[in-house]
Amino acid sequence: MRAGPGLGFMKDRSSATYCTQAIQVGVSSEINAYLSIPCIAADDNDIDILGFWKKIRTNTQSLLN
């Protein structure tokens, strides 16, 4: 699945810059671990971008509750 235009900074998946930026925001180490996945597999066109962000959103909600 290719990243859609609504995903903003994830548009350029050939670069790990978005991973670095997201980690610098100061999210938890658990979310950092998930953020490392698309960095490692940045050239894999089959990466499940939407499923990935759904997982991040779910974990973020659990951290806030």
PDB file of N, CA and C in Angstrom:
ATOM      1  N   MET A   1       0.839  -1.194   0.000  1.00  0.00           N
ATOM      2  CA  MET A   1       0.000   0.000   0.000  1.00  0.00           C
ATOM      3  C   MET A   1       0.875   1.246   0.000  1.00  0.00           C
ATOM      4  N   ARG A   2       0.621   2.119  -0.939  1.00  0.00           N
ATOM      5  CA  ARG A   2       1.409   3.350  -0.994  1.00  0.00           C
ATOM      6  C   ARG A   2       0.817   4.395  -0.063  1.00  0.00           C
ATOM      7  N   ALA A   3       1.689   5.229   0.475  1.00  0.00           N
ATOM      8  CA  ALA A   3       1.227   6.289   1.368  1.00  0.00           C
ATOM      9  C   ALA A   3       0.384   7.284   0.591  1.00  0.00           C
ATOM     10  N   GLY A   4      -0.767   7.606   1.126  1.00  0.00           N
ATOM     11  CA  GLY A   4      -1.646   8.565   0.463  1.00  0.00           C
ATOM     12  C   GLY A   4      -1.245   9.986   0.797  1.00  0.00           C
ATOM     13  N   PRO A   5      -1.782  10.958   0.079  1.00  0.00           N
ATOM     14  CA  PRO A   5      -1.425  12.363   0.289  1.00  0.00           C
ATOM     15  C   PRO A   5      -1.789  12.860   1.683  1.00  0.00           C
ATOM     16  N   GLY A   6      -2.771  12.225   2.318  1.00  0.00           N
ATOM     17  CA  GLY A   6      -3.200  12.670   3.640  1.00  0.00           C
ATOM     18  C   GLY A   6      -2.215  12.326   4.742  1.00  0.00           C
ATOM     19  N   LEU A   7      -1.208  11.514   4.425  1.00  0.00           N
ATOM     20  CA  LEU A   7      -0.262  11.095   5.455  1.00  0.00           C
ATOM     21  C   LEU A   7       0.880  12.080   5.628  1.00  0.00           C
ATOM     22  N   GLY A   8       0.880  13.146   4.839  1.00  0.00           N
ATOM     23  CA  GLY A   8       1.819  14.245   5.063  1.00  0.00           C
ATOM     24  C   GLY A   8       3.277  13.840   5.039  1.00  0.00           C
ATOM     25  N   PHE A   9       3.926  13.919   6.214  1.00  0.00           N
ATOM     26  CA  PHE A   9       5.370  13.742   6.255  1.00  0.00           C
ATOM     27  C   PHE A   9       5.818  12.319   5.945  1.00  0.00           C
ATOM     28  N   MET A  10       4.880  11.395   5.796  1.00  0.00           N
ATOM     29  CA  MET A  10       5.266  10.031   5.428  1.00  0.00           C
ATOM     30  C   MET A  10       5.294   9.852   3.916  1.00  0.00           C
ATOM     31  N   LYS A  11       5.060  10.933   3.185  1.00  0.00           N
ATOM     32  CA  LYS A  11       4.968  10.832   1.725  1.00  0.00           C
ATOM     33  C   LYS A  11       6.256  10.286   1.119  1.00  0.00           C
ATOM     34  N   ASP A  12       7.400  10.759   1.606  1.00  0.00           N
ATOM     35  CA  ASP A  12       8.685  10.299   1.072  1.00  0.00           C
ATOM     36  C   ASP A  12       9.164   9.112   1.882  1.00  0.00           C
ATOM     37  N   ARG A  13       8.808   7.908   1.417  1.00  0.00           N
ATOM     38  CA  ARG A  13       9.151   6.713   2.185  1.00  0.00           C
ATOM     39  C   ARG A  13      10.558   6.223   1.885  1.00  0.00           C
ATOM     40  N   SER A  14      11.287   6.912   0.988  1.00  0.00           N
ATOM     41  CA  SER A  14      12.667   6.522   0.734  1.00  0.00           C
ATOM     42  C   SER A  14      13.592   7.174   1.749  1.00  0.00           C
ATOM     43  N   SER A  15      13.030   8.021   2.604  1.00  0.00           N
ATOM     44  CA  SER A  15      13.834   8.732   3.594  1.00  0.00           C
ATOM     45  C   SER A  15      13.377   8.369   4.994  1.00  0.00           C
ATOM     46  N   ALA A  16      14.311   8.275   5.927  1.00  0.00           N
ATOM     47  CA  ALA A  16      13.967   7.959   7.315  1.00  0.00           C
ATOM     48  C   ALA A  16      13.763   9.229   8.130  1.00  0.00           C
ATOM     49  N   THR A  17      13.739  10.387   7.456  1.00  0.00           N
ATOM     50  CA  THR A  17      13.623  11.659   8.163  1.00  0.00           C
ATOM     51  C   THR A  17      12.369  11.709   9.017  1.00  0.00           C
ATOM     52  N   TYR A  18      11.249  11.203   8.463  1.00  0.00           N
ATOM     53  CA  TYR A  18       9.998  11.287   9.215  1.00  0.00           C
ATOM     54  C   TYR A  18      10.072  10.465  10.496  1.00  0.00           C
ATOM     55  N   CYS A  19      10.844   9.389  10.491  1.00  0.00           N
ATOM     56  CA  CYS A  19      10.995   8.583  11.698  1.00  0.00           C
ATOM     57  C   CYS A  19      11.733   9.385  12.760  1.00  0.00           C
ATOM     58  N   THR A  20      12.814  10.039  12.346  1.00  0.00           N
ATOM     59  CA  THR A  20      13.603  10.843  13.274  1.00  0.00           C
ATOM     60  C   THR A  20      12.760  11.966  13.861  1.00  0.00           C
ATOM     61  N   GLN A  21      12.005  12.645  13.016  1.00  0.00           N
ATOM     62  CA  GLN A  21      11.162  13.745  13.483  1.00  0.00           C
ATOM     63  C   GLN A  21      10.142  13.254  14.499  1.00  0.00           C
ATOM     64  N   ALA A  22       9.532  12.121  14.220  1.00  0.00           N
ATOM     65  CA  ALA A  22       8.509  11.600  15.119  1.00  0.00           C
ATOM     66  C   ALA A  22       9.109  11.212  16.461  1.00  0.00           C
ATOM     67  N   ILE A  23      10.306  10.638  16.453  1.00  0.00           N
ATOM     68  CA  ILE A  23      10.961  10.240  17.692  1.00  0.00           C
ATOM     69  C   ILE A  23      11.345  11.472  18.512  1.00  0.00           C
ATOM     70  N   GLN A  24      11.743  12.543  17.829  1.00  0.00           N
ATOM     71  CA  GLN A  24      12.141  13.759  18.530  1.00  0.00           C
ATOM     72  C   GLN A  24      10.974  14.441  19.224  1.00  0.00           C
ATOM     73  N   VAL A  25       9.760  14.099  18.825  1.00  0.00           N
ATOM     74  CA  VAL A  25       8.583  14.676  19.469  1.00  0.00           C
ATOM     75  C   VAL A  25       8.526  14.250  20.931  1.00  0.00           C
ATOM     76  N   GLY A  26       9.135  13.115  21.239  1.00  0.00           N
ATOM     77  CA  GLY A  26       9.189  12.665  22.624  1.00  0.00           C
ATOM     78  C   GLY A  26       8.133  11.634  22.963  1.00  0.00           C
ATOM     79  N   VAL A  27       7.700  10.866  21.978  1.00  0.00           N
ATOM     80  CA  VAL A  27       6.725   9.818  22.250  1.00  0.00           C
ATOM     81  C   VAL A  27       7.385   8.686  23.028  1.00  0.00           C
ATOM     82  N   SER A  28       6.553   7.796  23.561  1.00  0.00           N
ATOM     83  CA  SER A  28       7.080   6.732  24.406  1.00  0.00           C
ATOM     84  C   SER A  28       7.993   5.784  23.632  1.00  0.00           C
ATOM     85  N   SER A  29       8.811   5.042  24.363  1.00  0.00           N
ATOM     86  CA  SER A  29       9.739   4.104  23.728  1.00  0.00           C
ATOM     87  C   SER A  29       8.980   3.002  22.999  1.00  0.00           C
ATOM     88  N   GLU A  30       7.788   2.678  23.483  1.00  0.00           N
ATOM     89  CA  GLU A  30       6.987   1.645  22.809  1.00  0.00           C
ATOM     90  C   GLU A  30       6.599   2.116  21.419  1.00  0.00           C
ATOM     91  N   ILE A  31       6.184   3.379  21.319  1.00  0.00           N
ATOM     92  CA  ILE A  31       5.814   3.919  20.015  1.00  0.00           C
ATOM     93  C   ILE A  31       7.059   4.093  19.155  1.00  0.00           C
ATOM     94  N   ASN A  32       8.185   4.450  19.760  1.00  0.00           N
ATOM     95  CA  ASN A  32       9.431   4.557  19.001  1.00  0.00           C
ATOM     96  C   ASN A  32       9.761   3.240  18.318  1.00  0.00           C
ATOM     97  N   ALA A  33       9.505   2.141  19.002  1.00  0.00           N
ATOM     98  CA  ALA A  33       9.770   0.824  18.427  1.00  0.00           C
ATOM     99  C   ALA A  33       8.930   0.620  17.169  1.00  0.00           C
ATOM    100  N   TYR A  34       7.669   1.027  17.220  1.00  0.00           N
ATOM    101  CA  TYR A  34       6.818   0.916  16.033  1.00  0.00           C
ATOM    102  C   TYR A  34       7.307   1.850  14.931  1.00  0.00           C
ATOM    103  N   LEU A  35       7.773   3.035  15.316  1.00  0.00           N
ATOM    104  CA  LEU A  35       8.232   3.995  14.318  1.00  0.00           C
ATOM    105  C   LEU A  35       9.461   3.484  13.576  1.00  0.00           C
ATOM    106  N   SER A  36      10.224   2.589  14.197  1.00  0.00           N
ATOM    107  CA  SER A  36      11.427   2.079  13.550  1.00  0.00           C
ATOM    108  C   SER A  36      11.087   1.103  12.426  1.00  0.00           C
ATOM    109  N   ILE A  37       9.889   0.541  12.450  1.00  0.00           N
ATOM    110  CA  ILE A  37       9.514  -0.454  11.446  1.00  0.00           C
ATOM    111  C   ILE A  37       9.513   0.121  10.032  1.00  0.00           C
ATOM    112  N   PRO A  38       8.800   1.258   9.777  1.00  0.00           N
ATOM    113  CA  PRO A  38       8.817   1.792   8.411  1.00  0.00           C
ATOM    114  C   PRO A  38      10.182   2.335   8.000  1.00  0.00           C
ATOM    115  N   CYS A  39      11.035   2.683   8.961  1.00  0.00           N
ATOM    116  CA  CYS A  39      12.390   3.111   8.609  1.00  0.00           C
ATOM    117  C   CYS A  39      13.149   1.928   8.006  1.00  0.00           C
ATOM    118  N   ILE A  40      13.068   0.796   8.692  1.00  0.00           N
ATOM    119  CA  ILE A  40      13.786  -0.392   8.252  1.00  0.00           C
ATOM    120  C   ILE A  40      13.229  -0.895   6.922  1.00  0.00           C
ATOM    121  N   ALA A  41      11.898  -0.822   6.767  1.00  0.00           N
ATOM    122  CA  ALA A  41      11.248  -1.371   5.580  1.00  0.00           C
ATOM    123  C   ALA A  41      10.793  -0.272   4.627  1.00  0.00           C
ATOM    124  N   ALA A  42      11.537   0.822   4.579  1.00  0.00           N
ATOM    125  CA  ALA A  42      11.112   1.993   3.803  1.00  0.00           C
ATOM    126  C   ALA A  42      10.978   1.686   2.315  1.00  0.00           C
ATOM    127  N   ASP A  43      11.720   0.687   1.834  1.00  0.00           N
ATOM    128  CA  ASP A  43      11.677   0.376   0.405  1.00  0.00           C
ATOM    129  C   ASP A  43      10.676  -0.732   0.077  1.00  0.00           C
ATOM    130  N   ASP A  44       9.956  -1.199   1.099  1.00  0.00           N
ATOM    131  CA  ASP A  44       8.989  -2.276   0.900  1.00  0.00           C
ATOM    132  C   ASP A  44       7.633  -1.681   0.548  1.00  0.00           C
ATOM    133  N   ASN A  45       7.217  -1.804  -0.710  1.00  0.00           N
ATOM    134  CA  ASN A  45       5.952  -1.224  -1.158  1.00  0.00           C
ATOM    135  C   ASN A  45       4.740  -1.898  -0.526  1.00  0.00           C
ATOM    136  N   ASP A  46       4.947  -3.048   0.107  1.00  0.00           N
ATOM    137  CA  ASP A  46       3.825  -3.780   0.684  1.00  0.00           C
ATOM    138  C   ASP A  46       3.587  -3.437   2.148  1.00  0.00           C
ATOM    139  N   ILE A  47       4.354  -2.501   2.695  1.00  0.00           N
ATOM    140  CA  ILE A  47       4.200  -2.161   4.113  1.00  0.00           C
ATOM    141  C   ILE A  47       2.797  -1.613   4.361  1.00  0.00           C
ATOM    142  N   ASP A  48       2.200  -2.034   5.457  1.00  0.00           N
ATOM    143  CA  ASP A  48       0.820  -1.654   5.762  1.00  0.00           C
ATOM    144  C   ASP A  48       0.812  -0.319   6.504  1.00  0.00           C
ATOM    145  N   ILE A  49       0.855   0.770   5.739  1.00  0.00           N
ATOM    146  CA  ILE A  49       0.938   2.104   6.330  1.00  0.00           C
ATOM    147  C   ILE A  49      -0.274   2.407   7.207  1.00  0.00           C
ATOM    148  N   LEU A  50      -1.466   2.142   6.687  1.00  0.00           N
ATOM    149  CA  LEU A  50      -2.668   2.479   7.445  1.00  0.00           C
ATOM    150  C   LEU A  50      -2.787   1.625   8.701  1.00  0.00           C
ATOM    151  N   GLY A  51      -2.468   0.338   8.592  1.00  0.00           N
ATOM    152  CA  GLY A  51      -2.498  -0.530   9.762  1.00  0.00           C
ATOM    153  C   GLY A  51      -1.473  -0.091  10.794  1.00  0.00           C
ATOM    154  N   PHE A  52      -0.329   0.355  10.309  1.00  0.00           N
ATOM    155  CA  PHE A  52       0.734   0.844  11.184  1.00  0.00           C
ATOM    156  C   PHE A  52       0.258   2.027  12.008  1.00  0.00           C
ATOM    157  N   TRP A  53      -0.349   3.011  11.346  1.00  0.00           N
ATOM    158  CA  TRP A  53      -0.797   4.211  12.065  1.00  0.00           C
ATOM    159  C   TRP A  53      -1.991   3.924  12.957  1.00  0.00           C
ATOM    160  N   LYS A  54      -2.827   2.944  12.569  1.00  0.00           N
ATOM    161  CA  LYS A  54      -3.938   2.566  13.446  1.00  0.00           C
ATOM    162  C   LYS A  54      -3.383   2.001  14.751  1.00  0.00           C
ATOM    163  N   LYS A  55      -2.293   1.223  14.638  1.00  0.00           N
ATOM    164  CA  LYS A  55      -1.661   0.646  15.822  1.00  0.00           C
ATOM    165  C   LYS A  55      -1.073   1.749  16.703  1.00  0.00           C
ATOM    166  N   ILE A  56      -0.433   2.732  16.069  1.00  0.00           N
ATOM    167  CA  ILE A  56       0.134   3.858  16.818  1.00  0.00           C
ATOM    168  C   ILE A  56      -0.973   4.602  17.558  1.00  0.00           C
ATOM    169  N   ARG A  57      -2.061   4.869  16.850  1.00  0.00           N
ATOM    170  CA  ARG A  57      -3.163   5.633  17.438  1.00  0.00           C
ATOM    171  C   ARG A  57      -3.772   4.870  18.617  1.00  0.00           C
ATOM    172  N   THR A  58      -3.895   3.548  18.476  1.00  0.00           N
ATOM    173  CA  THR A  58      -4.445   2.730  19.552  1.00  0.00           C
ATOM    174  C   THR A  58      -3.550   2.783  20.780  1.00  0.00           C
ATOM    175  N   ASN A  59      -2.245   2.640  20.580  1.00  0.00           N
ATOM    176  CA  ASN A  59      -1.315   2.671  21.700  1.00  0.00           C
ATOM    177  C   ASN A  59      -1.259   4.044  22.345  1.00  0.00           C
ATOM    178  N   THR A  60      -1.356   5.091  21.532  1.00  0.00           N
ATOM    179  CA  THR A  60      -1.343   6.445  22.074  1.00  0.00           C
ATOM    180  C   THR A  60      -2.556   6.662  22.964  1.00  0.00           C
ATOM    181  N   GLN A  61      -3.705   6.183  22.520  1.00  0.00           N
ATOM    182  CA  GLN A  61      -4.921   6.313  23.322  1.00  0.00           C
ATOM    183  C   GLN A  61      -4.764   5.592  24.655  1.00  0.00           C
ATOM    184  N   SER A  62      -4.160   4.404  24.638  1.00  0.00           N
ATOM    185  CA  SER A  62      -4.006   3.643  25.876  1.00  0.00           C
ATOM    186  C   SER A  62      -3.037   4.342  26.825  1.00  0.00           C
ATOM    187  N   LEU A  63      -2.065   5.075  26.266  1.00  0.00           N
ATOM    188  CA  LEU A  63      -1.124   5.813  27.106  1.00  0.00           C
ATOM    189  C   LEU A  63      -1.804   7.015  27.757  1.00  0.00           C
ATOM    190  N   LEU A  64      -2.755   7.608  27.044  1.00  0.00           N
ATOM    191  CA  LEU A  64      -3.428   8.801  27.549  1.00  0.00           C
ATOM    192  C   LEU A  64      -4.491   8.467  28.587  1.00  0.00           C
ATOM    193  N   ASN A  65      -4.988   7.224  28.556  1.00  0.00           N
ATOM    194  CA  ASN A  65      -6.064   6.856  29.475  1.00  0.00           C
ATOM    195  C   ASN A  65      -5.542   6.442  30.837  1.00  0.00           C
TER     196      ASN A  65
END
